[in-house]
Amino acid sequence: MADHPSARLLAGYCQRRLKAAQLLALDDHVAKCGICRERLRGIVPTVGALVSLRISMERGQAAGEHPGADRLLVYVEDRLDAVDRELMTTHLDACKLCQAQMAWLLALVRRRE
């Protein structure tokens, strides 16, 4: 991806609506491009909130039923006890929203390393 992606493509990236090849190409680009990371920072909170609200409404779930980013980070860092880890794993297996948030978090953690 030589040029910067469009705002529409970045929004699709945030909404996790891209095909695998697009996602990988855009992820590689964003990892190297500070301009696009800044553009993403500007749209992620808005898009994330809207996606979360839409999915919660579709499922009839309250927002509090999902683990927060801090809880997902503890899971990623393997700092949960066996029972909490099993509960989190079960939730992640069933919840598309949390799977998407986990993928986003893992990408951020990998960039930190």
C-alpha atoms as a PDB file:
ATOM      1  CA  MET A   1       0.000   0.000   0.000  1.00  0.00           C
ATOM      2  CA  ALA A   2       2.133   2.864  -1.287  1.00  0.00           C
ATOM      3  CA  ASP A   3      -0.393   5.706  -0.855  1.00  0.00           C
ATOM      4  CA  HIS A   4      -2.286   6.594   2.284  1.00  0.00           C
ATOM      5  CA  PRO A   5      -5.615   4.764   2.619  1.00  0.00           C
ATOM      6  CA  SER A   6      -8.861   6.677   2.287  1.00  0.00           C
ATOM      7  CA  ALA A   7     -10.909   7.721   5.309  1.00  0.00           C
ATOM      8  CA  ARG A   8     -13.504   5.151   4.276  1.00  0.00           C
ATOM      9  CA  LEU A   9     -10.896   2.365   4.254  1.00  0.00           C
ATOM     10  CA  LEU A  10      -9.589   3.456   7.665  1.00  0.00           C
ATOM     11  CA  ALA A  11     -13.141   3.436   9.024  1.00  0.00           C
ATOM     12  CA  GLY A  12     -13.599  -0.087   7.638  1.00  0.00           C
ATOM     13  CA  TYR A  13     -10.375  -1.063   9.387  1.00  0.00           C
ATOM     14  CA  CYS A  14     -11.674   0.294  12.693  1.00  0.00           C
ATOM     15  CA  GLN A  15     -15.009  -1.438  12.211  1.00  0.00           C
ATOM     16  CA  ARG A  16     -13.275  -4.715  11.358  1.00  0.00           C
ATOM     17  CA  ARG A  17     -15.193  -4.936   8.081  1.00  0.00           C
ATOM     18  CA  LEU A  18     -12.283  -5.511   5.713  1.00  0.00           C
ATOM     19  CA  LYS A  19     -11.352  -8.708   3.964  1.00  0.00           C
ATOM     20  CA  ALA A  20      -8.329 -10.504   5.401  1.00  0.00           C
ATOM     21  CA  ALA A  21      -5.956  -9.349   2.655  1.00  0.00           C
ATOM     22  CA  GLN A  22      -7.059  -5.721   3.033  1.00  0.00           C
ATOM     23  CA  LEU A  23      -6.743  -5.910   6.801  1.00  0.00           C
ATOM     24  CA  LEU A  24      -3.217  -7.303   6.630  1.00  0.00           C
ATOM     25  CA  ALA A  25      -2.076  -4.759   4.029  1.00  0.00           C
ATOM     26  CA  LEU A  26      -3.575  -1.867   5.963  1.00  0.00           C
ATOM     27  CA  ASP A  27      -2.176  -3.159   9.247  1.00  0.00           C
ATOM     28  CA  ASP A  28       1.314  -3.280   7.715  1.00  0.00           C
ATOM     29  CA  HIS A  29       0.907   0.245   6.347  1.00  0.00           C
ATOM     30  CA  VAL A  30      -0.356   1.672   9.644  1.00  0.00           C
ATOM     31  CA  ALA A  31       2.496   0.022  11.538  1.00  0.00           C
ATOM     32  CA  LYS A  32       4.971   2.008   9.410  1.00  0.00           C
ATOM     33  CA  CYS A  33       3.029   5.226   8.829  1.00  0.00           C
ATOM     34  CA  GLY A  34       2.743   7.800  11.616  1.00  0.00           C
ATOM     35  CA  ILE A  35       0.353   9.924   9.580  1.00  0.00           C
ATOM     36  CA  CYS A  36      -2.157   7.089   9.292  1.00  0.00           C
ATOM     37  CA  ARG A  37      -1.777   6.143  12.965  1.00  0.00           C
ATOM     38  CA  GLU A  38      -2.733   9.726  13.837  1.00  0.00           C
ATOM     39  CA  ARG A  39      -5.695   9.548  11.470  1.00  0.00           C
ATOM     40  CA  LEU A  40      -6.792   6.316  13.138  1.00  0.00           C
ATOM     41  CA  ARG A  41      -6.507   7.821  16.611  1.00  0.00           C
ATOM     42  CA  GLY A  42      -8.963  10.463  15.499  1.00  0.00           C
ATOM     43  CA  ILE A  43     -11.627   8.001  14.406  1.00  0.00           C
ATOM     44  CA  VAL A  44     -11.125   4.989  16.696  1.00  0.00           C
ATOM     45  CA  PRO A  45     -13.012   6.299  19.768  1.00  0.00           C
ATOM     46  CA  THR A  46     -16.006   7.377  17.713  1.00  0.00           C
ATOM     47  CA  VAL A  47     -16.139   4.246  15.591  1.00  0.00           C
ATOM     48  CA  GLY A  48     -15.495   1.952  18.553  1.00  0.00           C
ATOM     49  CA  ALA A  49     -18.285   3.517  20.569  1.00  0.00           C
ATOM     50  CA  LEU A  50     -20.724   3.285  17.672  1.00  0.00           C
ATOM     51  CA  VAL A  51     -19.825  -0.322  16.889  1.00  0.00           C
ATOM     52  CA  SER A  52     -20.162  -1.277  20.550  1.00  0.00           C
ATOM     53  CA  LEU A  53     -23.523   0.444  20.842  1.00  0.00           C
ATOM     54  CA  ARG A  54     -24.850  -1.133  17.626  1.00  0.00           C
ATOM     55  CA  ILE A  55     -23.788  -4.639  18.616  1.00  0.00           C
ATOM     56  CA  SER A  56     -25.135  -4.223  22.138  1.00  0.00           C
ATOM     57  CA  MET A  57     -28.467  -3.057  20.777  1.00  0.00           C
ATOM     58  CA  GLU A  58     -28.635  -5.931  18.289  1.00  0.00           C
ATOM     59  CA  ARG A  59     -27.987  -8.434  21.051  1.00  0.00           C
ATOM     60  CA  GLY A  60     -29.970  -6.635  23.738  1.00  0.00           C
ATOM     61  CA  GLN A  61     -26.891  -6.522  25.969  1.00  0.00           C
ATOM     62  CA  ALA A  62     -25.863  -3.822  28.368  1.00  0.00           C
ATOM     63  CA  ALA A  63     -22.391  -2.376  27.815  1.00  0.00           C
ATOM     64  CA  GLY A  64     -21.329  -3.591  31.278  1.00  0.00           C
ATOM     65  CA  GLU A  65     -21.598  -7.224  30.172  1.00  0.00           C
ATOM     66  CA  HIS A  66     -18.356  -6.955  28.202  1.00  0.00           C
ATOM     67  CA  PRO A  67     -14.892  -6.810  29.727  1.00  0.00           C
ATOM     68  CA  GLY A  68     -13.170  -3.458  29.488  1.00  0.00           C
ATOM     69  CA  ALA A  69      -9.871  -2.870  27.707  1.00  0.00           C
ATOM     70  CA  ASP A  70      -8.037  -3.077  31.036  1.00  0.00           C
ATOM     71  CA  ARG A  71      -9.495  -6.538  31.680  1.00  0.00           C
ATOM     72  CA  LEU A  72      -8.619  -7.669  28.142  1.00  0.00           C
ATOM     73  CA  LEU A  73      -5.044  -6.463  28.685  1.00  0.00           C
ATOM     74  CA  VAL A  74      -4.775  -8.506  31.892  1.00  0.00           C
ATOM     75  CA  TYR A  75      -5.984 -11.514  29.872  1.00  0.00           C
ATOM     76  CA  VAL A  76      -3.430 -10.866  27.095  1.00  0.00           C
ATOM     77  CA  GLU A  77      -0.645 -10.556  29.662  1.00  0.00           C
ATOM     78  CA  ASP A  78      -1.742 -13.873  31.234  1.00  0.00           C
ATOM     79  CA  ARG A  79      -2.322 -12.319  34.655  1.00  0.00           C
ATOM     80  CA  LEU A  80      -5.746 -13.898  35.365  1.00  0.00           C
ATOM     81  CA  ASP A  81      -6.250 -16.842  37.675  1.00  0.00           C
ATOM     82  CA  ALA A  82      -7.487 -20.091  36.115  1.00  0.00           C
ATOM     83  CA  VAL A  83     -11.193 -19.480  36.791  1.00  0.00           C
ATOM     84  CA  ASP A  84     -11.215 -15.896  35.482  1.00  0.00           C
ATOM     85  CA  ARG A  85      -9.169 -16.952  32.462  1.00  0.00           C
ATOM     86  CA  GLU A  86     -11.702 -19.688  31.644  1.00  0.00           C
ATOM     87  CA  LEU A  87     -14.602 -17.242  31.989  1.00  0.00           C
ATOM     88  CA  MET A  88     -12.842 -14.742  29.733  1.00  0.00           C
ATOM     89  CA  THR A  89     -11.987 -17.422  27.160  1.00  0.00           C
ATOM     90  CA  THR A  90     -15.610 -18.593  27.096  1.00  0.00           C
ATOM     91  CA  HIS A  91     -16.829 -15.019  26.620  1.00  0.00           C
ATOM     92  CA  LEU A  92     -14.299 -14.354  23.859  1.00  0.00           C
ATOM     93  CA  ASP A  93     -15.304 -17.544  22.044  1.00  0.00           C
ATOM     94  CA  ALA A  94     -18.913 -16.321  21.858  1.00  0.00           C
ATOM     95  CA  CYS A  95     -18.597 -12.528  21.541  1.00  0.00           C
ATOM     96  CA  LYS A  96     -17.665 -10.999  18.177  1.00  0.00           C
ATOM     97  CA  LEU A  97     -17.332  -7.524  19.672  1.00  0.00           C
ATOM     98  CA  CYS A  98     -14.783  -8.646  22.254  1.00  0.00           C
ATOM     99  CA  GLN A  99     -12.953 -10.745  19.659  1.00  0.00           C
ATOM    100  CA  ALA A 100     -12.552  -7.607  17.546  1.00  0.00           C
ATOM    101  CA  GLN A 101     -11.407  -5.568  20.539  1.00  0.00           C
ATOM    102  CA  MET A 102      -8.957  -8.324  21.477  1.00  0.00           C
ATOM    103  CA  ALA A 103      -7.505  -8.354  17.949  1.00  0.00           C
ATOM    104  CA  TRP A 104      -7.061  -4.576  18.111  1.00  0.00           C
ATOM    105  CA  LEU A 105      -5.425  -4.808  21.537  1.00  0.00           C
ATOM    106  CA  LEU A 106      -3.071  -7.593  20.435  1.00  0.00           C
ATOM    107  CA  ALA A 107      -1.983  -5.497  17.452  1.00  0.00           C
ATOM    108  CA  LEU A 108      -1.206  -2.566  19.756  1.00  0.00           C
ATOM    109  CA  VAL A 109       0.712  -4.792  22.184  1.00  0.00           C
ATOM    110  CA  ARG A 110       2.760  -6.278  19.332  1.00  0.00           C
ATOM    111  CA  ARG A 111       3.663  -2.793  18.112  1.00  0.00           C
ATOM    112  CA  ARG A 112       4.904  -1.920  21.608  1.00  0.00           C
ATOM    113  CA  GLU A 113       7.242  -4.908  21.666  1.00  0.00           C
END
